[in-house]
Amino acid sequence: MRGVTAVGVAMLGSVLFAASGAFGAGMPAGGSFRVFSTPNSSGTGGTVVFTGAIGDYGKTVKLSKGHTRFVLKRGTFEINGTALQAKLAKDNPAVDLATCSAASTVTAPVSILDGTGLYKGISGTINATVTFAVIGPFYTSGKNKGKCNLSNSAPTLAQYSSIQGNGTVKFS
């Protein structure tokens, strides 16, 4: 039974972490990767999964001025997302006042920097895409009764957001 368990654990490790990283091999070779992230509702962090040349998962931590840190199982690194933040600030989402809904997708390059652990010496770029959708309430009284309320002070009824991207990475 012990041998079957060991084989199962080894197979699971290779699927989740890519064989070279799961068994303690040296620095990754670099290459192309994809990233999938779901921000938390407060916008201060979230979860992230990398596939391909990075092959890791963990949490995101929003820093300041467009910078985010990825706290992964095998190390950390940061991104400079100021170009993406600038495009988001200028974005004009598609709004449907009849249904009180809005959606948008914004794409911009994001640079990778400051790695630790397995990601020490990391560099590269992510072509990141932010997608969001929101359903807002209608005013229930007053002069705007029955009209859509997508103001910043209005609570959203439902929302969706994701950040996905692809890129290339090098390790020095």
N, C-alpha and C. Protein backbone atom coordinates (compact mmCIF):
# COMPACT_ATOMS: atom_id res chain seq x y z
N MET A 1 0.83 -1.20 0.00
CA MET A 1 0.00 0.00 0.00
C MET A 1 0.87 1.26 0.00
N ARG A 2 1.98 1.22 0.76
CA ARG A 2 2.86 2.37 0.84
C ARG A 2 3.42 2.74 -0.53
N GLY A 3 3.77 1.77 -1.37
CA GLY A 3 4.30 2.04 -2.70
C GLY A 3 3.27 2.69 -3.61
N VAL A 4 2.01 2.24 -3.53
CA VAL A 4 0.93 2.83 -4.33
C VAL A 4 0.73 4.28 -3.93
N THR A 5 0.76 4.58 -2.63
CA THR A 5 0.60 5.95 -2.15
C THR A 5 1.74 6.83 -2.65
N ALA A 6 2.95 6.32 -2.59
CA ALA A 6 4.11 7.10 -3.04
C ALA A 6 4.01 7.42 -4.53
N VAL A 7 3.57 6.43 -5.34
CA VAL A 7 3.42 6.67 -6.77
C VAL A 7 2.33 7.70 -7.02
N GLY A 8 1.22 7.61 -6.30
CA GLY A 8 0.13 8.59 -6.44
C GLY A 8 0.58 9.99 -6.09
N VAL A 9 1.34 10.13 -5.01
CA VAL A 9 1.85 11.45 -4.61
C VAL A 9 2.81 11.99 -5.66
N ALA A 10 3.67 11.13 -6.20
CA ALA A 10 4.62 11.58 -7.23
C ALA A 10 3.89 12.03 -8.49
N MET A 11 2.85 11.30 -8.90
CA MET A 11 2.10 11.68 -10.09
C MET A 11 1.38 13.00 -9.87
N LEU A 12 0.76 13.17 -8.71
CA LEU A 12 0.06 14.41 -8.39
C LEU A 12 1.04 15.58 -8.39
N GLY A 13 2.21 15.38 -7.81
CA GLY A 13 3.22 16.44 -7.79
C GLY A 13 3.66 16.85 -9.17
N SER A 14 3.83 15.88 -10.06
CA SER A 14 4.28 16.23 -11.41
C SER A 14 3.20 16.96 -12.18
N VAL A 15 1.94 16.62 -11.94
CA VAL A 15 0.84 17.32 -12.62
C VAL A 15 0.73 18.74 -12.10
N LEU A 16 0.80 18.94 -10.80
CA LEU A 16 0.59 20.27 -10.22
C LEU A 16 1.77 21.21 -10.37
N PHE A 17 2.96 20.70 -10.33
CA PHE A 17 4.12 21.59 -10.24
C PHE A 17 5.09 21.52 -11.41
N ALA A 18 4.85 20.69 -12.38
CA ALA A 18 5.77 20.41 -13.48
C ALA A 18 6.97 19.66 -12.91
N ALA A 19 7.37 18.64 -13.57
CA ALA A 19 8.33 17.69 -13.03
C ALA A 19 9.61 18.33 -12.51
N SER A 20 10.21 19.25 -13.21
CA SER A 20 11.49 19.80 -12.77
C SER A 20 11.36 20.56 -11.47
N GLY A 21 10.32 21.35 -11.29
CA GLY A 21 10.15 22.11 -10.05
C GLY A 21 9.70 21.24 -8.91
N ALA A 22 8.87 20.26 -9.15
CA ALA A 22 8.30 19.44 -8.09
C ALA A 22 9.36 18.60 -7.40
N PHE A 23 10.40 18.23 -8.10
CA PHE A 23 11.40 17.36 -7.52
C PHE A 23 12.70 18.08 -7.21
N GLY A 24 12.63 19.39 -7.04
CA GLY A 24 13.75 20.16 -6.53
C GLY A 24 14.84 20.44 -7.54
N ALA A 25 14.57 20.37 -8.81
CA ALA A 25 15.58 20.68 -9.82
C ALA A 25 15.94 22.15 -9.74
N GLY A 26 16.97 22.55 -10.46
CA GLY A 26 17.45 23.92 -10.42
C GLY A 26 16.52 24.92 -11.06
N MET A 27 17.08 26.03 -11.45
CA MET A 27 16.33 27.14 -12.03
C MET A 27 15.56 26.71 -13.27
N PRO A 28 14.32 27.21 -13.43
CA PRO A 28 13.55 26.88 -14.64
C PRO A 28 14.25 27.41 -15.89
N ALA A 29 13.91 26.83 -17.02
CA ALA A 29 14.56 27.20 -18.28
C ALA A 29 14.04 28.51 -18.85
N GLY A 30 12.85 28.94 -18.46
CA GLY A 30 12.24 30.12 -19.06
C GLY A 30 11.42 29.71 -20.27
N GLY A 31 10.78 30.69 -20.90
CA GLY A 31 9.96 30.43 -22.06
C GLY A 31 8.59 31.07 -21.92
N SER A 32 7.62 30.51 -22.62
CA SER A 32 6.28 31.12 -22.61
C SER A 32 5.46 30.58 -21.44
N PHE A 33 4.49 31.37 -21.02
CA PHE A 33 3.62 31.01 -19.91
C PHE A 33 2.28 31.69 -20.07
N ARG A 34 1.31 31.25 -19.27
CA ARG A 34 0.00 31.89 -19.18
C ARG A 34 -0.28 32.15 -17.71
N VAL A 35 -1.07 33.19 -17.45
CA VAL A 35 -1.43 33.53 -16.08
C VAL A 35 -2.94 33.75 -16.00
N PHE A 36 -3.53 33.29 -14.89
CA PHE A 36 -4.96 33.41 -14.63
C PHE A 36 -5.12 33.89 -13.20
N SER A 37 -5.79 35.02 -13.00
CA SER A 37 -5.93 35.58 -11.67
C SER A 37 -7.37 36.03 -11.43
N THR A 38 -7.81 35.83 -10.20
CA THR A 38 -9.12 36.30 -9.78
C THR A 38 -8.92 37.26 -8.62
N PRO A 39 -9.16 38.56 -8.82
CA PRO A 39 -9.00 39.53 -7.73
C PRO A 39 -10.06 39.31 -6.65
N ASN A 40 -9.72 39.67 -5.40
CA ASN A 40 -10.74 39.61 -4.35
C ASN A 40 -11.66 40.82 -4.48
N SER A 41 -12.75 40.82 -3.76
CA SER A 41 -13.76 41.88 -3.92
C SER A 41 -13.27 43.24 -3.47
N SER A 42 -12.27 43.29 -2.59
CA SER A 42 -11.76 44.58 -2.13
C SER A 42 -10.70 45.16 -3.06
N GLY A 43 -10.21 44.35 -4.00
CA GLY A 43 -9.20 44.83 -4.94
C GLY A 43 -7.80 44.88 -4.36
N THR A 44 -7.58 44.27 -3.19
CA THR A 44 -6.27 44.32 -2.54
C THR A 44 -5.41 43.09 -2.80
N GLY A 45 -5.95 42.10 -3.48
CA GLY A 45 -5.21 40.88 -3.75
C GLY A 45 -6.09 39.89 -4.46
N GLY A 46 -5.74 38.61 -4.37
CA GLY A 46 -6.53 37.58 -4.99
C GLY A 46 -5.74 36.30 -5.13
N THR A 47 -6.19 35.44 -6.03
CA THR A 47 -5.50 34.18 -6.29
C THR A 47 -4.95 34.20 -7.71
N VAL A 48 -3.90 33.39 -7.94
CA VAL A 48 -3.26 33.37 -9.25
C VAL A 48 -2.73 31.98 -9.56
N VAL A 49 -2.81 31.60 -10.83
CA VAL A 49 -2.26 30.34 -11.32
C VAL A 49 -1.44 30.65 -12.58
N PHE A 50 -0.21 30.15 -12.61
CA PHE A 50 0.65 30.27 -13.78
C PHE A 50 0.82 28.89 -14.39
N THR A 51 0.76 28.79 -15.72
CA THR A 51 1.04 27.54 -16.42
C THR A 51 2.19 27.79 -17.38
N GLY A 52 2.80 26.72 -17.85
CA GLY A 52 3.91 26.86 -18.79
C GLY A 52 5.23 27.03 -18.07
N ALA A 53 6.05 27.96 -18.51
CA ALA A 53 7.41 28.12 -18.00
C ALA A 53 7.47 28.46 -16.51
N ILE A 54 6.41 29.02 -15.93
CA ILE A 54 6.42 29.33 -14.49
C ILE A 54 5.79 28.18 -13.71
N GLY A 55 4.63 27.69 -14.07
CA GLY A 55 4.03 26.53 -13.43
C GLY A 55 3.95 26.60 -11.92
N ASP A 56 3.22 27.57 -11.38
CA ASP A 56 3.13 27.74 -9.93
C ASP A 56 1.79 28.41 -9.62
N TYR A 57 1.48 28.55 -8.34
CA TYR A 57 0.22 29.16 -7.93
C TYR A 57 0.38 29.82 -6.57
N GLY A 58 -0.56 30.70 -6.23
CA GLY A 58 -0.51 31.36 -4.93
C GLY A 58 -1.45 32.53 -4.87
N LYS A 59 -0.98 33.59 -4.21
CA LYS A 59 -1.79 34.78 -3.94
C LYS A 59 -1.15 36.00 -4.60
N THR A 60 -1.99 37.01 -4.83
CA THR A 60 -1.50 38.30 -5.28
C THR A 60 -1.68 39.30 -4.14
N VAL A 61 -0.76 40.24 -4.05
CA VAL A 61 -0.83 41.30 -3.06
C VAL A 61 -0.64 42.62 -3.78
N LYS A 62 -1.65 43.47 -3.72
CA LYS A 62 -1.55 44.78 -4.36
C LYS A 62 -0.59 45.64 -3.55
N LEU A 63 0.39 46.21 -4.22
CA LEU A 63 1.34 47.11 -3.56
C LEU A 63 0.89 48.53 -3.86
N SER A 64 1.76 49.39 -4.32
CA SER A 64 1.35 50.76 -4.62
C SER A 64 1.62 51.10 -6.07
N LYS A 65 0.87 52.06 -6.59
CA LYS A 65 1.08 52.63 -7.93
C LYS A 65 1.22 51.58 -9.03
N GLY A 66 0.28 50.65 -9.10
CA GLY A 66 0.27 49.68 -10.19
C GLY A 66 1.16 48.48 -9.99
N HIS A 67 1.84 48.37 -8.86
CA HIS A 67 2.70 47.23 -8.61
C HIS A 67 1.94 46.16 -7.83
N THR A 68 2.18 44.91 -8.20
CA THR A 68 1.56 43.77 -7.53
C THR A 68 2.65 42.73 -7.27
N ARG A 69 2.56 42.06 -6.12
CA ARG A 69 3.49 40.98 -5.79
C ARG A 69 2.74 39.65 -5.90
N PHE A 70 3.37 38.68 -6.56
CA PHE A 70 2.86 37.31 -6.60
C PHE A 70 3.60 36.52 -5.53
N VAL A 71 2.86 36.00 -4.58
CA VAL A 71 3.43 35.18 -3.52
C VAL A 71 3.07 33.74 -3.88
N LEU A 72 4.04 33.05 -4.50
CA LEU A 72 3.81 31.71 -5.04
C LEU A 72 4.45 30.66 -4.14
N LYS A 73 4.22 29.41 -4.41
CA LYS A 73 4.72 28.32 -3.57
C LYS A 73 6.24 28.20 -3.63
N ARG A 74 6.86 28.61 -4.76
CA ARG A 74 8.31 28.43 -4.91
C ARG A 74 9.08 29.75 -4.97
N GLY A 75 8.44 30.84 -4.56
CA GLY A 75 9.11 32.14 -4.54
C GLY A 75 8.13 33.26 -4.82
N THR A 76 8.66 34.46 -4.94
CA THR A 76 7.82 35.63 -5.22
C THR A 76 8.43 36.42 -6.37
N PHE A 77 7.60 37.23 -7.00
CA PHE A 77 8.10 38.26 -7.90
C PHE A 77 7.03 39.33 -8.03
N GLU A 78 7.44 40.48 -8.54
CA GLU A 78 6.53 41.62 -8.68
C GLU A 78 6.32 41.95 -10.14
N ILE A 79 5.23 42.67 -10.39
CA ILE A 79 4.99 43.21 -11.72
C ILE A 79 4.77 44.70 -11.62
N ASN A 80 5.14 45.40 -12.67
CA ASN A 80 4.87 46.82 -12.79
C ASN A 80 3.71 46.96 -13.78
N GLY A 81 2.52 47.20 -13.25
CA GLY A 81 1.33 47.29 -14.07
C GLY A 81 0.84 48.71 -14.27
N THR A 82 1.74 49.70 -14.23
CA THR A 82 1.30 51.09 -14.35
C THR A 82 0.66 51.38 -15.72
N ALA A 83 1.16 50.75 -16.78
CA ALA A 83 0.55 50.96 -18.12
C ALA A 83 -0.88 50.40 -18.14
N LEU A 84 -1.08 49.26 -17.51
CA LEU A 84 -2.42 48.67 -17.43
C LEU A 84 -3.34 49.54 -16.57
N GLN A 85 -2.84 50.03 -15.45
CA GLN A 85 -3.63 50.91 -14.59
C GLN A 85 -4.03 52.19 -15.33
N ALA A 86 -3.11 52.74 -16.12
CA ALA A 86 -3.42 53.97 -16.87
C ALA A 86 -4.52 53.71 -17.89
N LYS A 87 -4.48 52.57 -18.57
CA LYS A 87 -5.53 52.25 -19.55
C LYS A 87 -6.87 52.02 -18.84
N LEU A 88 -6.84 51.39 -17.68
CA LEU A 88 -8.08 51.17 -16.93
C LEU A 88 -8.69 52.50 -16.49
N ALA A 89 -7.84 53.45 -16.08
CA ALA A 89 -8.33 54.75 -15.62
C ALA A 89 -9.02 55.52 -16.74
N LYS A 90 -8.59 55.30 -17.99
CA LYS A 90 -9.17 56.00 -19.13
C LYS A 90 -10.27 55.19 -19.82
N ASP A 91 -10.53 53.99 -19.32
CA ASP A 91 -11.49 53.10 -19.96
C ASP A 91 -12.90 53.67 -19.88
N ASN A 92 -13.66 53.43 -20.93
CA ASN A 92 -15.06 53.84 -21.00
C ASN A 92 -15.90 52.58 -21.20
N PRO A 93 -16.31 51.91 -20.10
CA PRO A 93 -17.04 50.64 -20.23
C PRO A 93 -18.32 50.77 -21.03
N ALA A 94 -18.70 49.68 -21.69
CA ALA A 94 -19.97 49.61 -22.39
C ALA A 94 -21.08 49.50 -21.34
N VAL A 95 -22.00 50.47 -21.31
CA VAL A 95 -23.06 50.51 -20.32
C VAL A 95 -24.41 50.35 -21.02
N ASP A 96 -25.26 49.50 -20.44
CA ASP A 96 -26.63 49.33 -20.91
C ASP A 96 -27.54 49.85 -19.80
N LEU A 97 -28.09 51.05 -19.99
CA LEU A 97 -28.91 51.68 -18.96
C LEU A 97 -30.24 50.95 -18.74
N ALA A 98 -30.74 50.26 -19.77
CA ALA A 98 -32.01 49.53 -19.63
C ALA A 98 -31.88 48.35 -18.67
N THR A 99 -30.70 47.73 -18.64
CA THR A 99 -30.48 46.59 -17.75
C THR A 99 -29.57 46.93 -16.59
N CYS A 100 -29.08 48.16 -16.56
CA CYS A 100 -28.15 48.64 -15.51
C CYS A 100 -26.93 47.72 -15.40
N SER A 101 -26.33 47.47 -16.55
CA SER A 101 -25.16 46.61 -16.58
C SER A 101 -24.03 47.29 -17.36
N ALA A 102 -22.81 46.89 -17.05
CA ALA A 102 -21.64 47.44 -17.73
C ALA A 102 -20.58 46.36 -17.82
N ALA A 103 -19.76 46.45 -18.86
CA ALA A 103 -18.66 45.50 -19.04
C ALA A 103 -17.53 46.16 -19.80
N SER A 104 -16.32 45.63 -19.59
CA SER A 104 -15.17 46.17 -20.29
C SER A 104 -14.04 45.15 -20.28
N THR A 105 -13.15 45.30 -21.26
CA THR A 105 -11.92 44.52 -21.35
C THR A 105 -10.80 45.47 -21.75
N VAL A 106 -9.70 45.43 -21.00
CA VAL A 106 -8.55 46.30 -21.26
C VAL A 106 -7.30 45.44 -21.27
N THR A 107 -6.40 45.69 -22.25
CA THR A 107 -5.15 44.93 -22.38
C THR A 107 -3.97 45.89 -22.44
N ALA A 108 -2.88 45.52 -21.76
CA ALA A 108 -1.64 46.31 -21.80
C ALA A 108 -0.48 45.43 -21.35
N PRO A 109 0.75 45.79 -21.74
CA PRO A 109 1.92 45.03 -21.29
C PRO A 109 2.26 45.34 -19.83
N VAL A 110 2.73 44.31 -19.14
CA VAL A 110 3.11 44.42 -17.73
C VAL A 110 4.51 43.81 -17.60
N SER A 111 5.44 44.52 -16.98
CA SER A 111 6.80 44.00 -16.85
C SER A 111 6.97 43.24 -15.53
N ILE A 112 7.82 42.20 -15.58
CA ILE A 112 8.10 41.34 -14.44
C ILE A 112 9.44 41.74 -13.85
N LEU A 113 9.52 41.79 -12.50
CA LEU A 113 10.75 42.19 -11.83
C LEU A 113 10.84 41.64 -10.42
N ASP A 114 12.00 41.78 -9.80
CA ASP A 114 12.25 41.53 -8.37
C ASP A 114 11.81 40.17 -7.87
N GLY A 115 12.44 39.10 -8.35
CA GLY A 115 12.09 37.76 -7.90
C GLY A 115 12.89 37.31 -6.70
N THR A 116 12.29 36.37 -5.95
CA THR A 116 12.97 35.70 -4.83
C THR A 116 12.75 34.20 -4.99
N GLY A 117 13.50 33.41 -4.22
CA GLY A 117 13.35 31.96 -4.29
C GLY A 117 13.68 31.46 -5.69
N LEU A 118 12.85 30.59 -6.23
CA LEU A 118 13.07 30.05 -7.56
C LEU A 118 13.02 31.13 -8.64
N TYR A 119 12.42 32.28 -8.32
CA TYR A 119 12.24 33.36 -9.31
C TYR A 119 13.28 34.46 -9.19
N LYS A 120 14.34 34.23 -8.44
CA LYS A 120 15.43 35.20 -8.36
C LYS A 120 16.03 35.38 -9.76
N GLY A 121 16.17 36.61 -10.20
CA GLY A 121 16.71 36.90 -11.53
C GLY A 121 15.68 36.83 -12.64
N ILE A 122 14.40 36.79 -12.30
CA ILE A 122 13.34 36.70 -13.31
C ILE A 122 13.19 38.02 -14.06
N SER A 123 12.87 37.94 -15.34
CA SER A 123 12.53 39.11 -16.13
C SER A 123 11.60 38.66 -17.26
N GLY A 124 10.83 39.58 -17.76
CA GLY A 124 9.92 39.25 -18.84
C GLY A 124 8.76 40.21 -18.90
N THR A 125 7.79 39.86 -19.73
CA THR A 125 6.62 40.71 -19.93
C THR A 125 5.37 39.84 -20.02
N ILE A 126 4.29 40.36 -19.46
CA ILE A 126 2.98 39.73 -19.56
C ILE A 126 2.10 40.65 -20.39
N ASN A 127 1.43 40.11 -21.38
CA ASN A 127 0.40 40.85 -22.10
C ASN A 127 -0.90 40.58 -21.33
N ALA A 128 -1.22 41.47 -20.37
CA ALA A 128 -2.31 41.24 -19.41
C ALA A 128 -3.63 41.84 -19.88
N THR A 129 -4.70 41.09 -19.66
CA THR A 129 -6.05 41.54 -20.01
C THR A 129 -6.93 41.50 -18.77
N VAL A 130 -7.52 42.64 -18.44
CA VAL A 130 -8.47 42.75 -17.33
C VAL A 130 -9.87 42.76 -17.94
N THR A 131 -10.74 41.88 -17.44
CA THR A 131 -12.13 41.82 -17.88
C THR A 131 -13.02 42.00 -16.67
N PHE A 132 -14.03 42.84 -16.79
CA PHE A 132 -14.98 42.96 -15.69
C PHE A 132 -16.38 43.20 -16.23
N ALA A 133 -17.34 42.81 -15.40
CA ALA A 133 -18.75 43.03 -15.71
C ALA A 133 -19.45 43.33 -14.39
N VAL A 134 -20.48 44.17 -14.44
CA VAL A 134 -21.18 44.56 -13.22
C VAL A 134 -22.66 44.77 -13.53
N ILE A 135 -23.49 44.43 -12.56
CA ILE A 135 -24.92 44.74 -12.60
C ILE A 135 -25.18 45.68 -11.43
N GLY A 136 -25.76 46.84 -11.73
CA GLY A 136 -26.05 47.82 -10.69
C GLY A 136 -27.54 47.88 -10.36
N PRO A 137 -27.86 48.60 -9.31
CA PRO A 137 -29.26 48.73 -8.91
C PRO A 137 -29.96 49.86 -9.67
N PHE A 138 -31.25 49.87 -9.59
CA PHE A 138 -32.05 50.98 -10.08
C PHE A 138 -32.47 51.82 -8.88
N TYR A 139 -32.57 53.13 -9.07
CA TYR A 139 -33.07 53.99 -8.01
C TYR A 139 -34.49 53.55 -7.66
N THR A 140 -34.79 53.48 -6.37
CA THR A 140 -36.13 53.04 -5.94
C THR A 140 -37.02 54.20 -5.51
N SER A 141 -36.43 55.40 -5.40
CA SER A 141 -37.24 56.56 -5.02
C SER A 141 -36.54 57.84 -5.52
N GLY A 142 -37.21 58.96 -5.33
CA GLY A 142 -36.63 60.25 -5.70
C GLY A 142 -36.80 60.57 -7.17
N LYS A 143 -36.15 61.65 -7.61
CA LYS A 143 -36.30 62.12 -8.98
C LYS A 143 -35.76 61.14 -10.02
N ASN A 144 -34.86 60.22 -9.63
CA ASN A 144 -34.29 59.24 -10.56
C ASN A 144 -34.92 57.86 -10.45
N LYS A 145 -36.05 57.76 -9.74
CA LYS A 145 -36.70 56.47 -9.54
C LYS A 145 -36.85 55.72 -10.88
N GLY A 146 -36.42 54.45 -10.87
CA GLY A 146 -36.50 53.61 -12.06
C GLY A 146 -35.31 53.72 -12.99
N LYS A 147 -34.40 54.66 -12.74
CA LYS A 147 -33.21 54.82 -13.58
C LYS A 147 -32.04 54.02 -12.99
N CYS A 148 -31.11 53.71 -13.85
CA CYS A 148 -29.91 52.95 -13.49
C CYS A 148 -29.01 53.78 -12.58
N ASN A 149 -28.45 53.13 -11.55
CA ASN A 149 -27.54 53.79 -10.62
C ASN A 149 -26.20 53.04 -10.62
N LEU A 150 -25.31 53.44 -11.51
CA LEU A 150 -23.97 52.86 -11.55
C LEU A 150 -22.93 53.82 -10.95
N SER A 151 -23.35 54.66 -10.04
CA SER A 151 -22.41 55.58 -9.39
C SER A 151 -21.47 54.80 -8.48
N ASN A 152 -20.33 55.39 -8.17
CA ASN A 152 -19.35 54.74 -7.30
C ASN A 152 -19.90 54.45 -5.91
N SER A 153 -20.90 55.22 -5.47
CA SER A 153 -21.45 55.00 -4.13
C SER A 153 -22.55 53.94 -4.10
N ALA A 154 -23.03 53.50 -5.27
CA ALA A 154 -24.10 52.51 -5.32
C ALA A 154 -23.52 51.10 -5.12
N PRO A 155 -24.17 50.27 -4.33
CA PRO A 155 -23.70 48.89 -4.17
C PRO A 155 -23.99 48.10 -5.45
N THR A 156 -23.05 47.28 -5.86
CA THR A 156 -23.29 46.45 -7.04
C THR A 156 -24.12 45.24 -6.63
N LEU A 157 -24.96 44.79 -7.54
CA LEU A 157 -25.78 43.60 -7.28
C LEU A 157 -25.02 42.32 -7.62
N ALA A 158 -24.21 42.40 -8.65
CA ALA A 158 -23.37 41.27 -9.05
C ALA A 158 -22.18 41.82 -9.82
N GLN A 159 -21.05 41.13 -9.70
CA GLN A 159 -19.87 41.56 -10.43
C GLN A 159 -18.97 40.38 -10.75
N TYR A 160 -18.19 40.55 -11.79
CA TYR A 160 -17.23 39.54 -12.22
C TYR A 160 -15.96 40.27 -12.62
N SER A 161 -14.81 39.71 -12.28
CA SER A 161 -13.56 40.27 -12.77
C SER A 161 -12.52 39.16 -12.88
N SER A 162 -11.66 39.30 -13.86
CA SER A 162 -10.55 38.36 -14.02
C SER A 162 -9.40 39.09 -14.70
N ILE A 163 -8.23 38.57 -14.45
CA ILE A 163 -7.03 39.06 -15.13
C ILE A 163 -6.35 37.84 -15.72
N GLN A 164 -6.15 37.86 -17.02
CA GLN A 164 -5.48 36.76 -17.71
C GLN A 164 -4.39 37.35 -18.59
N GLY A 165 -3.44 36.53 -18.93
CA GLY A 165 -2.41 37.01 -19.82
C GLY A 165 -1.49 35.91 -20.28
N ASN A 166 -0.60 36.28 -21.18
CA ASN A 166 0.44 35.36 -21.63
C ASN A 166 1.70 36.18 -21.82
N GLY A 167 2.80 35.51 -21.80
CA GLY A 167 4.06 36.22 -21.97
C GLY A 167 5.23 35.28 -22.05
N THR A 168 6.41 35.86 -21.96
CA THR A 168 7.64 35.10 -21.94
C THR A 168 8.47 35.54 -20.75
N VAL A 169 9.25 34.63 -20.26
CA VAL A 169 10.04 34.90 -19.06
C VAL A 169 11.44 34.32 -19.24
N LYS A 170 12.44 35.01 -18.66
CA LYS A 170 13.82 34.52 -18.63
C LYS A 170 14.28 34.51 -17.19
N PHE A 171 15.21 33.63 -16.89
CA PHE A 171 15.83 33.56 -15.57
C PHE A 171 17.33 33.71 -15.76
N SER A 172 17.94 34.61 -14.98
CA SER A 172 19.39 34.79 -15.13
C SER A 172 20.13 34.30 -13.92
